[in-house]
Amino acid sequence: MSTAAQTATKSKYDESRLAQVLVAPIVSEKATRVGEKHNQVLFKVLRNATKPEIKAAVELMFAAQKVEVASVRVVNQKGKTKRFGRSIGRRDHVKKAYVSLKEGQQLNFSGEAA
């Protein structure tokens, strides 16, 4: 791949948009289990984010660690209906991204070099 083609793929998305795509990492027992077993990381993402945007955002945010994404799987989780006394409310809908990293890759959230 030529350098012109590489810069075209890197600048395909607006960096300010990519900075907003990843809302937060999901740290739970299930996320830890999936991470250890399948070399995946879970993120809460914007509801209108696409798989290519998520991939580009992860590679941009963790560029210092030289992370390469193998694939992205997305889950749309509907918000639960909850009651608060007499009134009925609903939690927000959430979109989760299961990001698979390439073999030998690891993601470090603490910000220090591995």
PDB file of N, CA and C in Angstrom:
ATOM      1  N   MET A   1       0.844  -1.181   0.000  1.00  0.00           N
ATOM      2  CA  MET A   1       0.000   0.000   0.000  1.00  0.00           C
ATOM      3  C   MET A   1       0.883   1.237   0.000  1.00  0.00           C
ATOM      4  N   SER A   2       0.625   2.149  -0.900  1.00  0.00           N
ATOM      5  CA  SER A   2       1.436   3.359  -1.000  1.00  0.00           C
ATOM      6  C   SER A   2       1.122   4.307   0.160  1.00  0.00           C
ATOM      7  N   THR A   3       2.017   5.276   0.360  1.00  0.00           N
ATOM      8  CA  THR A   3       1.817   6.224   1.460  1.00  0.00           C
ATOM      9  C   THR A   3       0.615   7.118   1.193  1.00  0.00           C
ATOM     10  N   ALA A   4       0.328   7.407  -0.078  1.00  0.00           N
ATOM     11  CA  ALA A   4      -0.843   8.229  -0.398  1.00  0.00           C
ATOM     12  C   ALA A   4      -2.121   7.492  -0.038  1.00  0.00           C
ATOM     13  N   ALA A   5      -2.142   6.181  -0.279  1.00  0.00           N
ATOM     14  CA  ALA A   5      -3.325   5.385   0.061  1.00  0.00           C
ATOM     15  C   ALA A   5      -3.481   5.276   1.573  1.00  0.00           C
ATOM     16  N   GLN A   6      -2.361   5.180   2.289  1.00  0.00           N
ATOM     17  CA  GLN A   6      -2.427   5.095   3.745  1.00  0.00           C
ATOM     18  C   GLN A   6      -2.963   6.385   4.349  1.00  0.00           C
ATOM     19  N   THR A   7      -2.515   7.533   3.858  1.00  0.00           N
ATOM     20  CA  THR A   7      -3.004   8.795   4.406  1.00  0.00           C
ATOM     21  C   THR A   7      -4.459   9.011   4.043  1.00  0.00           C
ATOM     22  N   ALA A   8      -4.887   8.483   2.903  1.00  0.00           N
ATOM     23  CA  ALA A   8      -6.290   8.615   2.517  1.00  0.00           C
ATOM     24  C   ALA A   8      -7.187   7.815   3.460  1.00  0.00           C
ATOM     25  N   THR A   9      -6.731   6.617   3.864  1.00  0.00           N
ATOM     26  CA  THR A   9      -7.549   5.817   4.777  1.00  0.00           C
ATOM     27  C   THR A   9      -7.528   6.401   6.182  1.00  0.00           C
ATOM     28  N   LYS A  10      -6.415   7.001   6.596  1.00  0.00           N
ATOM     29  CA  LYS A  10      -6.333   7.582   7.932  1.00  0.00           C
ATOM     30  C   LYS A  10      -7.214   8.820   8.054  1.00  0.00           C
ATOM     31  N   SER A  11      -7.273   9.642   6.995  1.00  0.00           N
ATOM     32  CA  SER A  11      -8.030  10.878   7.073  1.00  0.00           C
ATOM     33  C   SER A  11      -9.447  10.727   6.537  1.00  0.00           C
ATOM     34  N   LYS A  12      -9.917   9.512   6.382  1.00  0.00           N
ATOM     35  CA  LYS A  12     -11.265   9.268   5.866  1.00  0.00           C
ATOM     36  C   LYS A  12     -12.324   9.832   6.807  1.00  0.00           C
ATOM     37  N   TYR A  13     -12.043   9.785   8.120  1.00  0.00           N
ATOM     38  CA  TYR A  13     -12.981  10.270   9.129  1.00  0.00           C
ATOM     39  C   TYR A  13     -12.412  11.501   9.814  1.00  0.00           C
ATOM     40  N   ASP A  14     -13.291  12.365  10.262  1.00  0.00           N
ATOM     41  CA  ASP A  14     -12.900  13.567  10.974  1.00  0.00           C
ATOM     42  C   ASP A  14     -12.385  13.183  12.359  1.00  0.00           C
ATOM     43  N   GLU A  15     -11.213  13.689  12.735  1.00  0.00           N
ATOM     44  CA  GLU A  15     -10.612  13.316  14.018  1.00  0.00           C
ATOM     45  C   GLU A  15     -11.452  13.771  15.202  1.00  0.00           C
ATOM     46  N   SER A  16     -12.135  14.897  15.089  1.00  0.00           N
ATOM     47  CA  SER A  16     -12.973  15.353  16.203  1.00  0.00           C
ATOM     48  C   SER A  16     -14.160  14.407  16.394  1.00  0.00           C
ATOM     49  N   ARG A  17     -14.685  13.872  15.288  1.00  0.00           N
ATOM     50  CA  ARG A  17     -15.774  12.886  15.385  1.00  0.00           C
ATOM     51  C   ARG A  17     -15.255  11.590  16.007  1.00  0.00           C
ATOM     52  N   LEU A  18     -14.071  11.137  15.592  1.00  0.00           N
ATOM     53  CA  LEU A  18     -13.503   9.900  16.134  1.00  0.00           C
ATOM     54  C   LEU A  18     -13.202  10.029  17.623  1.00  0.00           C
ATOM     55  N   ALA A  19     -12.850  11.222  18.068  1.00  0.00           N
ATOM     56  CA  ALA A  19     -12.571  11.436  19.489  1.00  0.00           C
ATOM     57  C   ALA A  19     -13.834  11.278  20.327  1.00  0.00           C
ATOM     58  N   GLN A  20     -15.007  11.472  19.722  1.00  0.00           N
ATOM     59  CA  GLN A  20     -16.265  11.360  20.452  1.00  0.00           C
ATOM     60  C   GLN A  20     -16.903   9.984  20.336  1.00  0.00           C
ATOM     61  N   VAL A  21     -16.479   9.160  19.377  1.00  0.00           N
ATOM     62  CA  VAL A  21     -17.126   7.869  19.123  1.00  0.00           C
ATOM     63  C   VAL A  21     -17.027   6.949  20.332  1.00  0.00           C
ATOM     64  N   LEU A  22     -15.844   6.830  20.923  1.00  0.00           N
ATOM     65  CA  LEU A  22     -15.660   5.976  22.102  1.00  0.00           C
ATOM     66  C   LEU A  22     -16.089   6.753  23.338  1.00  0.00           C
ATOM     67  N   VAL A  23     -17.182   6.322  23.962  1.00  0.00           N
ATOM     68  CA  VAL A  23     -17.689   7.018  25.142  1.00  0.00           C
ATOM     69  C   VAL A  23     -16.909   6.592  26.378  1.00  0.00           C
ATOM     70  N   ALA A  24     -16.789   5.259  26.597  1.00  0.00           N
ATOM     71  CA  ALA A  24     -16.090   4.756  27.772  1.00  0.00           C
ATOM     72  C   ALA A  24     -15.769   3.283  27.591  1.00  0.00           C
ATOM     73  N   PRO A  25     -14.692   2.808  28.221  1.00  0.00           N
ATOM     74  CA  PRO A  25     -14.463   1.365  28.236  1.00  0.00           C
ATOM     75  C   PRO A  25     -15.424   0.711  29.218  1.00  0.00           C
ATOM     76  N   ILE A  26     -15.816  -0.508  28.936  1.00  0.00           N
ATOM     77  CA  ILE A  26     -16.696  -1.249  29.838  1.00  0.00           C
ATOM     78  C   ILE A  26     -15.820  -2.214  30.629  1.00  0.00           C
ATOM     79  N   VAL A  27     -15.795  -2.041  31.941  1.00  0.00           N
ATOM     80  CA  VAL A  27     -15.004  -2.904  32.810  1.00  0.00           C
ATOM     81  C   VAL A  27     -15.965  -3.655  33.718  1.00  0.00           C
ATOM     82  N   SER A  28     -16.132  -4.939  33.443  1.00  0.00           N
ATOM     83  CA  SER A  28     -17.014  -5.787  34.234  1.00  0.00           C
ATOM     84  C   SER A  28     -16.445  -7.202  34.216  1.00  0.00           C
ATOM     85  N   GLU A  29     -17.095  -8.106  34.931  1.00  0.00           N
ATOM     86  CA  GLU A  29     -16.623  -9.491  34.946  1.00  0.00           C
ATOM     87  C   GLU A  29     -16.705 -10.101  33.556  1.00  0.00           C
ATOM     88  N   LYS A  30     -17.817  -9.854  32.874  1.00  0.00           N
ATOM     89  CA  LYS A  30     -17.990 -10.402  31.528  1.00  0.00           C
ATOM     90  C   LYS A  30     -16.967  -9.820  30.563  1.00  0.00           C
ATOM     91  N   ALA A  31     -16.722  -8.515  30.655  1.00  0.00           N
ATOM     92  CA  ALA A  31     -15.758  -7.870  29.770  1.00  0.00           C
ATOM     93  C   ALA A  31     -14.353  -8.420  30.006  1.00  0.00           C
ATOM     94  N   THR A  32     -14.007  -8.670  31.252  1.00  0.00           N
ATOM     95  CA  THR A  32     -12.699  -9.227  31.584  1.00  0.00           C
ATOM     96  C   THR A  32     -12.563 -10.642  31.048  1.00  0.00           C
ATOM     97  N   ARG A  33     -13.611 -11.441  31.212  1.00  0.00           N
ATOM     98  CA  ARG A  33     -13.606 -12.824  30.734  1.00  0.00           C
ATOM     99  C   ARG A  33     -13.458 -12.872  29.210  1.00  0.00           C
ATOM    100  N   VAL A  34     -14.202 -12.029  28.509  1.00  0.00           N
ATOM    101  CA  VAL A  34     -14.130 -11.972  27.049  1.00  0.00           C
ATOM    102  C   VAL A  34     -12.748 -11.500  26.612  1.00  0.00           C
ATOM    103  N   GLY A  35     -12.207 -10.527  27.323  1.00  0.00           N
ATOM    104  CA  GLY A  35     -10.890 -10.010  26.984  1.00  0.00           C
ATOM    105  C   GLY A  35      -9.795 -11.044  27.099  1.00  0.00           C
ATOM    106  N   GLU A  36      -9.864 -11.859  28.146  1.00  0.00           N
ATOM    107  CA  GLU A  36      -8.850 -12.883  28.342  1.00  0.00           C
ATOM    108  C   GLU A  36      -9.013 -14.032  27.350  1.00  0.00           C
ATOM    109  N   LYS A  37     -10.247 -14.408  27.076  1.00  0.00           N
ATOM    110  CA  LYS A  37     -10.503 -15.588  26.241  1.00  0.00           C
ATOM    111  C   LYS A  37     -10.343 -15.299  24.747  1.00  0.00           C
ATOM    112  N   HIS A  38     -10.871 -14.157  24.275  1.00  0.00           N
ATOM    113  CA  HIS A  38     -10.917 -13.882  22.845  1.00  0.00           C
ATOM    114  C   HIS A  38     -10.077 -12.681  22.417  1.00  0.00           C
ATOM    115  N   ASN A  39      -9.281 -12.113  23.323  1.00  0.00           N
ATOM    116  CA  ASN A  39      -8.460 -10.938  23.037  1.00  0.00           C
ATOM    117  C   ASN A  39      -9.325  -9.792  22.503  1.00  0.00           C
ATOM    118  N   GLN A  40     -10.417  -9.503  23.232  1.00  0.00           N
ATOM    119  CA  GLN A  40     -11.334  -8.436  22.863  1.00  0.00           C
ATOM    120  C   GLN A  40     -11.410  -7.395  23.977  1.00  0.00           C
ATOM    121  N   VAL A  41     -11.811  -6.180  23.598  1.00  0.00           N
ATOM    122  CA  VAL A  41     -12.019  -5.096  24.540  1.00  0.00           C
ATOM    123  C   VAL A  41     -13.413  -4.542  24.294  1.00  0.00           C
ATOM    124  N   LEU A  42     -14.157  -4.224  25.370  1.00  0.00           N
ATOM    125  CA  LEU A  42     -15.500  -3.688  25.228  1.00  0.00           C
ATOM    126  C   LEU A  42     -15.498  -2.184  25.442  1.00  0.00           C
ATOM    127  N   PHE A  43     -16.247  -1.486  24.579  1.00  0.00           N
ATOM    128  CA  PHE A  43     -16.409  -0.047  24.700  1.00  0.00           C
ATOM    129  C   PHE A  43     -17.881   0.308  24.599  1.00  0.00           C
ATOM    130  N   LYS A  44     -18.267   1.334  25.344  1.00  0.00           N
ATOM    131  CA  LYS A  44     -19.567   1.970  25.130  1.00  0.00           C
ATOM    132  C   LYS A  44     -19.319   3.026  24.067  1.00  0.00           C
ATOM    133  N   VAL A  45     -20.134   3.006  22.993  1.00  0.00           N
ATOM    134  CA  VAL A  45     -19.911   3.914  21.869  1.00  0.00           C
ATOM    135  C   VAL A  45     -21.174   4.722  21.594  1.00  0.00           C
ATOM    136  N   LEU A  46     -21.041   5.745  20.750  1.00  0.00           N
ATOM    137  CA  LEU A  46     -22.201   6.532  20.348  1.00  0.00           C
ATOM    138  C   LEU A  46     -23.195   5.643  19.614  1.00  0.00           C
ATOM    139  N   ARG A  47     -24.483   5.956  19.741  1.00  0.00           N
ATOM    140  CA  ARG A  47     -25.517   5.107  19.138  1.00  0.00           C
ATOM    141  C   ARG A  47     -25.521   5.164  17.627  1.00  0.00           C
ATOM    142  N   ASN A  48     -24.983   6.222  17.036  1.00  0.00           N
ATOM    143  CA  ASN A  48     -24.970   6.321  15.580  1.00  0.00           C
ATOM    144  C   ASN A  48     -23.594   6.011  14.991  1.00  0.00           C
ATOM    145  N   ALA A  49     -22.691   5.422  15.777  1.00  0.00           N
ATOM    146  CA  ALA A  49     -21.352   5.082  15.300  1.00  0.00           C
ATOM    147  C   ALA A  49     -21.396   3.817  14.444  1.00  0.00           C
ATOM    148  N   THR A  50     -20.574   3.796  13.404  1.00  0.00           N
ATOM    149  CA  THR A  50     -20.495   2.631  12.538  1.00  0.00           C
ATOM    150  C   THR A  50     -19.259   1.799  12.891  1.00  0.00           C
ATOM    151  N   LYS A  51     -19.228   0.572  12.402  1.00  0.00           N
ATOM    152  CA  LYS A  51     -18.086  -0.303  12.685  1.00  0.00           C
ATOM    153  C   LYS A  51     -16.758   0.273  12.175  1.00  0.00           C
ATOM    154  N   PRO A  52     -16.702   0.786  10.944  1.00  0.00           N
ATOM    155  CA  PRO A  52     -15.431   1.377  10.491  1.00  0.00           C
ATOM    156  C   PRO A  52     -15.008   2.584  11.329  1.00  0.00           C
ATOM    157  N   GLU A  53     -15.970   3.374  11.783  1.00  0.00           N
ATOM    158  CA  GLU A  53     -15.647   4.518  12.649  1.00  0.00           C
ATOM    159  C   GLU A  53     -15.074   4.040  13.980  1.00  0.00           C
ATOM    160  N   ILE A  54     -15.663   2.996  14.546  1.00  0.00           N
ATOM    161  CA  ILE A  54     -15.186   2.462  15.825  1.00  0.00           C
ATOM    162  C   ILE A  54     -13.771   1.946  15.676  1.00  0.00           C
ATOM    163  N   LYS A  55     -13.511   1.216  14.596  1.00  0.00           N
ATOM    164  CA  LYS A  55     -12.165   0.690  14.343  1.00  0.00           C
ATOM    165  C   LYS A  55     -11.161   1.823  14.222  1.00  0.00           C
ATOM    166  N   ALA A  56     -11.490   2.847  13.438  1.00  0.00           N
ATOM    167  CA  ALA A  56     -10.592   3.985  13.250  1.00  0.00           C
ATOM    168  C   ALA A  56     -10.386   4.740  14.558  1.00  0.00           C
ATOM    169  N   ALA A  57     -11.440   4.853  15.378  1.00  0.00           N
ATOM    170  CA  ALA A  57     -11.338   5.571  16.653  1.00  0.00           C
ATOM    171  C   ALA A  57     -10.412   4.845  17.622  1.00  0.00           C
ATOM    172  N   VAL A  58     -10.522   3.522  17.700  1.00  0.00           N
ATOM    173  CA  VAL A  58      -9.662   2.754  18.601  1.00  0.00           C
ATOM    174  C   VAL A  58      -8.203   2.871  18.155  1.00  0.00           C
ATOM    175  N   GLU A  59      -7.970   2.746  16.851  1.00  0.00           N
ATOM    176  CA  GLU A  59      -6.595   2.843  16.353  1.00  0.00           C
ATOM    177  C   GLU A  59      -6.032   4.255  16.533  1.00  0.00           C
ATOM    178  N   LEU A  60      -6.891   5.274  16.477  1.00  0.00           N
ATOM    179  CA  LEU A  60      -6.443   6.651  16.681  1.00  0.00           C
ATOM    180  C   LEU A  60      -6.161   6.926  18.161  1.00  0.00           C
ATOM    181  N   MET A  61      -7.068   6.515  19.040  1.00  0.00           N
ATOM    182  CA  MET A  61      -6.921   6.810  20.468  1.00  0.00           C
ATOM    183  C   MET A  61      -5.728   6.076  21.095  1.00  0.00           C
ATOM    184  N   PHE A  62      -5.434   4.892  20.581  1.00  0.00           N
ATOM    185  CA  PHE A  62      -4.348   4.095  21.145  1.00  0.00           C
ATOM    186  C   PHE A  62      -3.198   3.973  20.148  1.00  0.00           C
ATOM    187  N   ALA A  63      -2.957   5.043  19.380  1.00  0.00           N
ATOM    188  CA  ALA A  63      -1.889   5.046  18.371  1.00  0.00           C
ATOM    189  C   ALA A  63      -0.515   4.943  19.018  1.00  0.00           C
ATOM    190  N   ALA A  64      -0.360   5.457  20.233  1.00  0.00           N
ATOM    191  CA  ALA A  64       0.929   5.389  20.920  1.00  0.00           C
ATOM    192  C   ALA A  64       1.310   3.942  21.233  1.00  0.00           C
ATOM    193  N   GLN A  65       0.294   3.088  21.438  1.00  0.00           N
ATOM    194  CA  GLN A  65       0.552   1.676  21.728  1.00  0.00           C
ATOM    195  C   GLN A  65       0.602   0.845  20.447  1.00  0.00           C
ATOM    196  N   LYS A  66       0.374   1.501  19.294  1.00  0.00           N
ATOM    197  CA  LYS A  66       0.383   0.841  17.983  1.00  0.00           C
ATOM    198  C   LYS A  66      -0.586  -0.339  17.945  1.00  0.00           C
ATOM    199  N   VAL A  67      -1.821  -0.076  18.330  1.00  0.00           N
ATOM    200  CA  VAL A  67      -2.855  -1.107  18.369  1.00  0.00           C
ATOM    201  C   VAL A  67      -3.460  -1.278  16.981  1.00  0.00           C
ATOM    202  N   GLU A  68      -3.636  -2.542  16.573  1.00  0.00           N
ATOM    203  CA  GLU A  68      -4.296  -2.857  15.311  1.00  0.00           C
ATOM    204  C   GLU A  68      -5.551  -3.657  15.614  1.00  0.00           C
ATOM    205  N   VAL A  69      -6.680  -3.249  15.029  1.00  0.00           N
ATOM    206  CA  VAL A  69      -7.962  -3.882  15.268  1.00  0.00           C
ATOM    207  C   VAL A  69      -8.212  -4.940  14.195  1.00  0.00           C
ATOM    208  N   ALA A  70      -8.570  -6.147  14.624  1.00  0.00           N
ATOM    209  CA  ALA A  70      -8.880  -7.221  13.677  1.00  0.00           C
ATOM    210  C   ALA A  70     -10.327  -7.113  13.211  1.00  0.00           C
ATOM    211  N   SER A  71     -11.262  -6.945  14.166  1.00  0.00           N
ATOM    212  CA  SER A  71     -12.674  -6.837  13.798  1.00  0.00           C
ATOM    213  C   SER A  71     -13.437  -6.114  14.897  1.00  0.00           C
ATOM    214  N   VAL A  72     -14.649  -5.688  14.546  1.00  0.00           N
ATOM    215  CA  VAL A  72     -15.530  -5.000  15.487  1.00  0.00           C
ATOM    216  C   VAL A  72     -16.907  -5.637  15.405  1.00  0.00           C
ATOM    217  N   ARG A  73     -17.471  -5.984  16.546  1.00  0.00           N
ATOM    218  CA  ARG A  73     -18.844  -6.475  16.623  1.00  0.00           C
ATOM    219  C   ARG A  73     -19.631  -5.526  17.511  1.00  0.00           C
ATOM    220  N   VAL A  74     -20.887  -5.302  17.140  1.00  0.00           N
ATOM    221  CA  VAL A  74     -21.688  -4.281  17.813  1.00  0.00           C
ATOM    222  C   VAL A  74     -22.957  -4.895  18.385  1.00  0.00           C
ATOM    223  N   VAL A  75     -23.336  -4.438  19.589  1.00  0.00           N
ATOM    224  CA  VAL A  75     -24.568  -4.871  20.244  1.00  0.00           C
ATOM    225  C   VAL A  75     -25.359  -3.620  20.609  1.00  0.00           C
ATOM    226  N   ASN A  76     -26.627  -3.580  20.214  1.00  0.00           N
ATOM    227  CA  ASN A  76     -27.525  -2.499  20.627  1.00  0.00           C
ATOM    228  C   ASN A  76     -28.355  -3.004  21.798  1.00  0.00           C
ATOM    229  N   GLN A  77     -28.149  -2.424  22.963  1.00  0.00           N
ATOM    230  CA  GLN A  77     -28.846  -2.849  24.167  1.00  0.00           C
ATOM    231  C   GLN A  77     -29.947  -1.839  24.479  1.00  0.00           C
ATOM    232  N   LYS A  78     -31.178  -2.340  24.548  1.00  0.00           N
ATOM    233  CA  LYS A  78     -32.294  -1.447  24.858  1.00  0.00           C
ATOM    234  C   LYS A  78     -32.311  -1.132  26.340  1.00  0.00           C
ATOM    235  N   GLY A  79     -32.716   0.089  26.676  1.00  0.00           N
ATOM    236  CA  GLY A  79     -32.772   0.508  28.068  1.00  0.00           C
ATOM    237  C   GLY A  79     -33.922  -0.160  28.806  1.00  0.00           C
ATOM    238  N   LYS A  80     -33.690  -0.501  30.056  1.00  0.00           N
ATOM    239  CA  LYS A  80     -34.727  -1.148  30.868  1.00  0.00           C
ATOM    240  C   LYS A  80     -35.786  -0.128  31.280  1.00  0.00           C
ATOM    241  N   THR A  81     -37.010  -0.592  31.396  1.00  0.00           N
ATOM    242  CA  THR A  81     -38.075   0.241  31.946  1.00  0.00           C
ATOM    243  C   THR A  81     -38.044   0.086  33.459  1.00  0.00           C
ATOM    244  N   LYS A  82     -38.009   1.191  34.158  1.00  0.00           N
ATOM    245  CA  LYS A  82     -37.924   1.180  35.622  1.00  0.00           C
ATOM    246  C   LYS A  82     -39.038   2.032  36.207  1.00  0.00           C
ATOM    247  N   ARG A  83     -39.469   1.652  37.396  1.00  0.00           N
ATOM    248  CA  ARG A  83     -40.479   2.437  38.114  1.00  0.00           C
ATOM    249  C   ARG A  83     -39.840   3.179  39.263  1.00  0.00           C
ATOM    250  N   PHE A  84     -40.253   4.413  39.428  1.00  0.00           N
ATOM    251  CA  PHE A  84     -39.817   5.231  40.555  1.00  0.00           C
ATOM    252  C   PHE A  84     -41.082   5.694  41.265  1.00  0.00           C
ATOM    253  N   GLY A  85     -41.536   4.912  42.228  1.00  0.00           N
ATOM    254  CA  GLY A  85     -42.808   5.215  42.884  1.00  0.00           C
ATOM    255  C   GLY A  85     -43.941   5.016  41.904  1.00  0.00           C
ATOM    256  N   ARG A  86     -44.696   6.077  41.637  1.00  0.00           N
ATOM    257  CA  ARG A  86     -45.812   5.981  40.698  1.00  0.00           C
ATOM    258  C   ARG A  86     -45.379   6.174  39.251  1.00  0.00           C
ATOM    259  N   SER A  87     -44.303   6.915  39.053  1.00  0.00           N
ATOM    260  CA  SER A  87     -43.895   7.240  37.679  1.00  0.00           C
ATOM    261  C   SER A  87     -43.059   6.116  37.073  1.00  0.00           C
ATOM    262  N   ILE A  88     -43.156   5.994  35.774  1.00  0.00           N
ATOM    263  CA  ILE A  88     -42.399   4.990  35.043  1.00  0.00           C
ATOM    264  C   ILE A  88     -41.349   5.706  34.211  1.00  0.00           C
ATOM    265  N   GLY A  89     -40.137   5.223  34.290  1.00  0.00           N
ATOM    266  CA  GLY A  89     -39.045   5.812  33.516  1.00  0.00           C
ATOM    267  C   GLY A  89     -38.336   4.734  32.713  1.00  0.00           C
ATOM    268  N   ARG A  90     -37.355   5.158  31.943  1.00  0.00           N
ATOM    269  CA  ARG A  90     -36.596   4.211  31.142  1.00  0.00           C
ATOM    270  C   ARG A  90     -35.141   4.636  31.133  1.00  0.00           C
ATOM    271  N   ARG A  91     -34.265   3.649  31.282  1.00  0.00           N
ATOM    272  CA  ARG A  91     -32.839   3.939  31.164  1.00  0.00           C
ATOM    273  C   ARG A  91     -32.497   4.144  29.689  1.00  0.00           C
ATOM    274  N   ASP A  92     -31.395   4.799  29.441  1.00  0.00           N
ATOM    275  CA  ASP A  92     -30.998   5.087  28.064  1.00  0.00           C
ATOM    276  C   ASP A  92     -30.594   3.811  27.328  1.00  0.00           C
ATOM    277  N   HIS A  93     -30.829   3.813  26.011  1.00  0.00           N
ATOM    278  CA  HIS A  93     -30.334   2.739  25.167  1.00  0.00           C
ATOM    279  C   HIS A  93     -28.816   2.876  25.075  1.00  0.00           C
ATOM    280  N   VAL A  94     -28.117   1.745  24.913  1.00  0.00           N
ATOM    281  CA  VAL A  94     -26.658   1.753  24.876  1.00  0.00           C
ATOM    282  C   VAL A  94     -26.188   0.914  23.691  1.00  0.00           C
ATOM    283  N   LYS A  95     -25.158   1.386  23.030  1.00  0.00           N
ATOM    284  CA  LYS A  95     -24.516   0.614  21.966  1.00  0.00           C
ATOM    285  C   LYS A  95     -23.142   0.202  22.474  1.00  0.00           C
ATOM    286  N   LYS A  96     -22.873  -1.103  22.427  1.00  0.00           N
ATOM    287  CA  LYS A  96     -21.593  -1.632  22.891  1.00  0.00           C
ATOM    288  C   LYS A  96     -20.815  -2.169  21.704  1.00  0.00           C
ATOM    289  N   ALA A  97     -19.503  -2.010  21.744  1.00  0.00           N
ATOM    290  CA  ALA A  97     -18.642  -2.521  20.682  1.00  0.00           C
ATOM    291  C   ALA A  97     -17.643  -3.512  21.270  1.00  0.00           C
ATOM    292  N   TYR A  98     -17.641  -4.720  20.719  1.00  0.00           N
ATOM    293  CA  TYR A  98     -16.647  -5.729  21.056  1.00  0.00           C
ATOM    294  C   TYR A  98     -15.534  -5.593  20.021  1.00  0.00           C
ATOM    295  N   VAL A  99     -14.392  -5.071  20.439  1.00  0.00           N
ATOM    296  CA  VAL A  99     -13.281  -4.809  19.523  1.00  0.00           C
ATOM    297  C   VAL A  99     -12.258  -5.927  19.667  1.00  0.00           C
ATOM    298  N   SER A 100     -12.060  -6.699  18.591  1.00  0.00           N
ATOM    299  CA  SER A 100     -11.070  -7.776  18.586  1.00  0.00           C
ATOM    300  C   SER A 100      -9.734  -7.222  18.129  1.00  0.00           C
ATOM    301  N   LEU A 101      -8.710  -7.485  18.915  1.00  0.00           N
ATOM    302  CA  LEU A 101      -7.371  -7.028  18.573  1.00  0.00           C
ATOM    303  C   LEU A 101      -6.625  -8.141  17.852  1.00  0.00           C
ATOM    304  N   LYS A 102      -5.636  -7.762  17.032  1.00  0.00           N
ATOM    305  CA  LYS A 102      -4.843  -8.761  16.318  1.00  0.00           C
ATOM    306  C   LYS A 102      -3.982  -9.527  17.306  1.00  0.00           C
ATOM    307  N   GLU A 103      -3.510 -10.705  16.873  1.00  0.00           N
ATOM    308  CA  GLU A 103      -2.700 -11.577  17.732  1.00  0.00           C
ATOM    309  C   GLU A 103      -1.484 -10.840  18.290  1.00  0.00           C
ATOM    310  N   GLY A 104      -1.236 -11.036  19.576  1.00  0.00           N
ATOM    311  CA  GLY A 104      -0.087 -10.421  20.229  1.00  0.00           C
ATOM    312  C   GLY A 104      -0.310  -8.982  20.653  1.00  0.00           C
ATOM    313  N   GLN A 105      -1.453  -8.392  20.316  1.00  0.00           N
ATOM    314  CA  GLN A 105      -1.759  -7.009  20.676  1.00  0.00           C
ATOM    315  C   GLN A 105      -2.442  -6.976  22.038  1.00  0.00           C
ATOM    316  N   GLN A 106      -2.224  -5.888  22.751  1.00  0.00           N
ATOM    317  CA  GLN A 106      -2.845  -5.716  24.057  1.00  0.00           C
ATOM    318  C   GLN A 106      -3.146  -4.238  24.255  1.00  0.00           C
ATOM    319  N   LEU A 107      -4.255  -3.954  24.940  1.00  0.00           N
ATOM    320  CA  LEU A 107      -4.667  -2.576  25.171  1.00  0.00           C
ATOM    321  C   LEU A 107      -4.448  -2.229  26.632  1.00  0.00           C
ATOM    322  N   ASN A 108      -3.762  -1.116  26.879  1.00  0.00           N
ATOM    323  CA  ASN A 108      -3.451  -0.689  28.233  1.00  0.00           C
ATOM    324  C   ASN A 108      -4.184   0.620  28.502  1.00  0.00           C
ATOM    325  N   PHE A 109      -5.160   0.599  29.435  1.00  0.00           N
ATOM    326  CA  PHE A 109      -5.957   1.791  29.732  1.00  0.00           C
ATOM    327  C   PHE A 109      -5.266   2.752  30.676  1.00  0.00           C
ATOM    328  N   SER A 110      -4.224   2.313  31.377  1.00  0.00           N
ATOM    329  CA  SER A 110      -3.585   3.179  32.358  1.00  0.00           C
ATOM    330  C   SER A 110      -2.756   4.279  31.714  1.00  0.00           C
ATOM    331  N   GLY A 111      -2.439   4.156  30.426  1.00  0.00           N
ATOM    332  CA  GLY A 111      -1.715   5.202  29.720  1.00  0.00           C
ATOM    333  C   GLY A 111      -0.208   5.049  29.742  1.00  0.00           C
ATOM    334  N   GLU A 112       0.314   4.114  30.529  1.00  0.00           N
ATOM    335  CA  GLU A 112       1.763   3.923  30.548  1.00  0.00           C
ATOM    336  C   GLU A 112       2.141   2.816  29.572  1.00  0.00           C
ATOM    337  N   ALA A 113       3.359   2.849  29.092  1.00  0.00           N
ATOM    338  CA  ALA A 113       3.831   1.889  28.101  1.00  0.00           C
ATOM    339  C   ALA A 113       3.904   0.497  28.717  1.00  0.00           C
ATOM    340  N   ALA A 114       3.516  -0.504  27.924  1.00  0.00           N
ATOM    341  CA  ALA A 114       3.507  -1.888  28.421  1.00  0.00           C
ATOM    342  C   ALA A 114       4.887  -2.500  28.337  1.00  0.00           C
TER     343      ALA A 114
END
